[in-house]
Every structure is written in C-alpha cells, then in structure tokens.
Amino acid sequence: MPITNPPENFAIVDSSEWEFVAIEPSGADAKQWLTVPGGGKALFKPNRPRESGEQGEDSMLDA
C-alpha cells in the first residue's frame, strides 16, 4: 500500500527549476545531480513505482 502522507522528516521540495549539473552513472536507475539554490548539490532520483508501493528516495542533498 503506497504512503499518501510522507513522514515529516521527508520534506517534499519542488526541484523543477534547479539547474542540471550531470548524470550520475552509478547504479541501475537513472539519477542526476542538480544545483541547489543557495549553494550545494542534490542527487535527484525519480520516484519508482513498485508492486508493493512507490519508493520515494527522490533526492539526497550534498552540501
């Protein structure tokens, strides 16, 4: 069953306006590095639908 309300410690952030930096080649799924407004980078990992529900490991900040 998918989680409809993420826990508070997983903020939902609109990164659609963030600048693309590079493709991340490691791993099986597509990922990309983005520039975070105000400094730093974030690794964007698209949401992946699965039979048991969606996995939402969408991004990790790299300050």
N, C-alpha and C. Protein backbone atom coordinates (compact mmCIF):
# COMPACT_ATOMS: atom_id res chain seq x y z
N MET A 1 0.84 -1.18 0.00
CA MET A 1 0.00 0.00 0.00
C MET A 1 0.88 1.24 0.00
N PRO A 2 0.70 2.14 -0.95
CA PRO A 2 1.53 3.36 -1.00
C PRO A 2 1.27 4.30 0.17
N ILE A 3 2.31 5.01 0.56
CA ILE A 3 2.19 6.02 1.61
C ILE A 3 1.68 7.30 0.96
N THR A 4 0.56 7.82 1.43
CA THR A 4 0.00 9.03 0.83
C THR A 4 0.48 10.29 1.54
N ASN A 5 0.85 10.17 2.80
CA ASN A 5 1.37 11.32 3.56
C ASN A 5 2.76 10.96 4.07
N PRO A 6 3.82 11.52 3.46
CA PRO A 6 5.17 11.17 3.89
C PRO A 6 5.44 11.64 5.32
N PRO A 7 6.35 10.95 6.02
CA PRO A 7 6.71 11.42 7.37
C PRO A 7 7.26 12.84 7.30
N GLU A 8 7.14 13.56 8.41
CA GLU A 8 7.57 14.96 8.45
C GLU A 8 9.05 15.15 8.11
N ASN A 9 9.88 14.16 8.40
CA ASN A 9 11.31 14.32 8.15
C ASN A 9 11.68 14.14 6.67
N PHE A 10 10.70 13.88 5.82
CA PHE A 10 10.92 13.79 4.38
C PHE A 10 10.17 14.93 3.70
N ALA A 11 10.81 16.07 3.61
CA ALA A 11 10.18 17.24 3.01
C ALA A 11 10.00 17.04 1.51
N ILE A 12 8.90 17.50 0.98
CA ILE A 12 8.66 17.49 -0.46
C ILE A 12 9.11 18.84 -1.00
N VAL A 13 10.07 18.81 -1.92
CA VAL A 13 10.67 20.03 -2.46
C VAL A 13 10.53 20.02 -3.97
N ASP A 14 10.08 21.13 -4.54
CA ASP A 14 9.97 21.27 -5.98
C ASP A 14 11.34 21.63 -6.54
N SER A 15 11.96 20.70 -7.25
CA SER A 15 13.29 20.93 -7.81
C SER A 15 13.25 21.16 -9.32
N SER A 16 12.06 21.40 -9.86
CA SER A 16 11.90 21.53 -11.31
C SER A 16 12.65 22.73 -11.90
N GLU A 17 12.97 23.73 -11.09
CA GLU A 17 13.70 24.91 -11.57
C GLU A 17 15.19 24.84 -11.26
N TRP A 18 15.65 23.78 -10.61
CA TRP A 18 17.05 23.66 -10.25
C TRP A 18 17.88 23.35 -11.50
N GLU A 19 19.09 23.87 -11.56
CA GLU A 19 19.97 23.69 -12.72
C GLU A 19 20.56 22.27 -12.75
N PHE A 20 20.51 21.65 -13.93
CA PHE A 20 21.11 20.33 -14.15
C PHE A 20 22.62 20.46 -14.13
N VAL A 21 23.32 19.53 -13.45
CA VAL A 21 24.78 19.53 -13.39
C VAL A 21 25.35 18.36 -14.19
N ALA A 22 24.90 17.14 -13.87
CA ALA A 22 25.47 15.96 -14.53
C ALA A 22 24.61 14.74 -14.27
N ILE A 23 24.79 13.72 -15.13
CA ILE A 23 24.17 12.41 -14.92
C ILE A 23 25.03 11.66 -13.91
N GLU A 24 24.40 10.93 -13.00
CA GLU A 24 25.12 10.07 -12.06
C GLU A 24 25.16 8.67 -12.66
N PRO A 25 26.34 8.18 -13.04
CA PRO A 25 26.42 6.90 -13.75
C PRO A 25 26.30 5.66 -12.88
N SER A 26 26.53 5.75 -11.58
CA SER A 26 26.49 4.55 -10.75
C SER A 26 25.06 4.10 -10.47
N GLY A 27 24.90 2.81 -10.31
CA GLY A 27 23.59 2.25 -10.01
C GLY A 27 22.82 1.87 -11.25
N ALA A 28 21.71 1.15 -11.04
CA ALA A 28 20.91 0.64 -12.16
C ALA A 28 19.89 1.66 -12.66
N ASP A 29 19.42 2.54 -11.78
CA ASP A 29 18.38 3.50 -12.15
C ASP A 29 18.97 4.86 -12.50
N ALA A 30 18.29 5.61 -13.35
CA ALA A 30 18.75 6.94 -13.77
C ALA A 30 18.71 7.92 -12.60
N LYS A 31 19.77 8.71 -12.49
CA LYS A 31 19.86 9.74 -11.45
C LYS A 31 20.57 10.95 -12.06
N GLN A 32 20.35 12.13 -11.48
CA GLN A 32 21.05 13.31 -11.97
C GLN A 32 21.37 14.27 -10.83
N TRP A 33 22.52 14.93 -10.94
CA TRP A 33 22.93 15.94 -9.98
C TRP A 33 22.34 17.28 -10.39
N LEU A 34 21.81 18.01 -9.40
CA LEU A 34 21.23 19.33 -9.61
C LEU A 34 21.89 20.32 -8.67
N THR A 35 21.95 21.60 -9.08
CA THR A 35 22.43 22.67 -8.22
C THR A 35 21.29 23.15 -7.34
N VAL A 36 21.54 23.19 -6.04
CA VAL A 36 20.53 23.65 -5.08
C VAL A 36 20.62 25.16 -4.96
N PRO A 37 19.50 25.89 -5.07
CA PRO A 37 19.55 27.34 -4.88
C PRO A 37 20.17 27.69 -3.52
N GLY A 38 21.10 28.61 -3.52
CA GLY A 38 21.77 28.99 -2.28
C GLY A 38 23.06 28.21 -2.05
N GLY A 39 23.37 27.25 -2.91
CA GLY A 39 24.62 26.51 -2.80
C GLY A 39 24.42 25.02 -2.57
N GLY A 40 25.38 24.25 -2.98
CA GLY A 40 25.34 22.80 -2.80
C GLY A 40 24.77 22.08 -4.00
N LYS A 41 24.75 20.76 -3.90
CA LYS A 41 24.22 19.91 -4.96
C LYS A 41 23.20 18.95 -4.35
N ALA A 42 22.33 18.41 -5.20
CA ALA A 42 21.39 17.38 -4.78
C ALA A 42 21.37 16.29 -5.83
N LEU A 43 21.32 15.04 -5.40
CA LEU A 43 21.21 13.91 -6.30
C LEU A 43 19.72 13.58 -6.43
N PHE A 44 19.17 13.82 -7.62
CA PHE A 44 17.75 13.56 -7.86
C PHE A 44 17.57 12.14 -8.35
N LYS A 45 16.70 11.40 -7.66
CA LYS A 45 16.37 10.03 -8.02
C LYS A 45 14.86 9.95 -8.21
N PRO A 46 14.39 9.73 -9.43
CA PRO A 46 12.94 9.72 -9.67
C PRO A 46 12.21 8.68 -8.83
N ASN A 47 10.96 8.97 -8.53
CA ASN A 47 10.10 8.05 -7.81
C ASN A 47 9.92 6.80 -8.64
N ARG A 48 10.01 5.64 -8.01
CA ARG A 48 9.91 4.37 -8.75
C ARG A 48 8.70 3.57 -8.28
N PRO A 49 7.70 3.40 -9.14
CA PRO A 49 6.55 2.58 -8.74
C PRO A 49 6.95 1.11 -8.64
N ARG A 50 6.51 0.44 -7.60
CA ARG A 50 6.76 -0.98 -7.39
C ARG A 50 5.44 -1.66 -7.05
N GLU A 51 5.40 -2.98 -7.14
CA GLU A 51 4.17 -3.71 -6.81
C GLU A 51 3.75 -3.46 -5.37
N SER A 52 4.71 -3.34 -4.46
CA SER A 52 4.40 -3.14 -3.05
C SER A 52 4.16 -1.67 -2.70
N GLY A 53 4.24 -0.77 -3.68
CA GLY A 53 4.07 0.66 -3.44
C GLY A 53 5.21 1.42 -4.07
N GLU A 54 5.16 2.72 -4.00
CA GLU A 54 6.20 3.56 -4.60
C GLU A 54 7.36 3.73 -3.63
N GLN A 55 8.57 3.79 -4.19
CA GLN A 55 9.74 4.12 -3.41
C GLN A 55 10.07 5.57 -3.69
N GLY A 56 10.11 6.40 -2.68
CA GLY A 56 10.28 7.83 -2.90
C GLY A 56 11.61 8.36 -2.45
N GLU A 57 12.70 7.68 -2.78
CA GLU A 57 14.01 8.18 -2.41
C GLU A 57 14.46 9.20 -3.44
N ASP A 58 13.71 10.30 -3.53
CA ASP A 58 13.83 11.23 -4.65
C ASP A 58 15.12 12.01 -4.70
N SER A 59 15.62 12.49 -3.59
CA SER A 59 16.87 13.25 -3.68
C SER A 59 17.62 13.20 -2.37
N MET A 60 18.93 13.40 -2.47
CA MET A 60 19.80 13.48 -1.32
C MET A 60 20.63 14.75 -1.48
N LEU A 61 20.68 15.56 -0.45
CA LEU A 61 21.49 16.79 -0.53
C LEU A 61 22.95 16.49 -0.24
N ASP A 62 23.83 17.15 -0.97
CA ASP A 62 25.26 17.05 -0.80
C ASP A 62 25.79 18.47 -0.62
N ALA A 63 25.80 18.93 0.63
CA ALA A 63 26.15 20.33 0.91
C ALA A 63 27.61 20.62 0.72
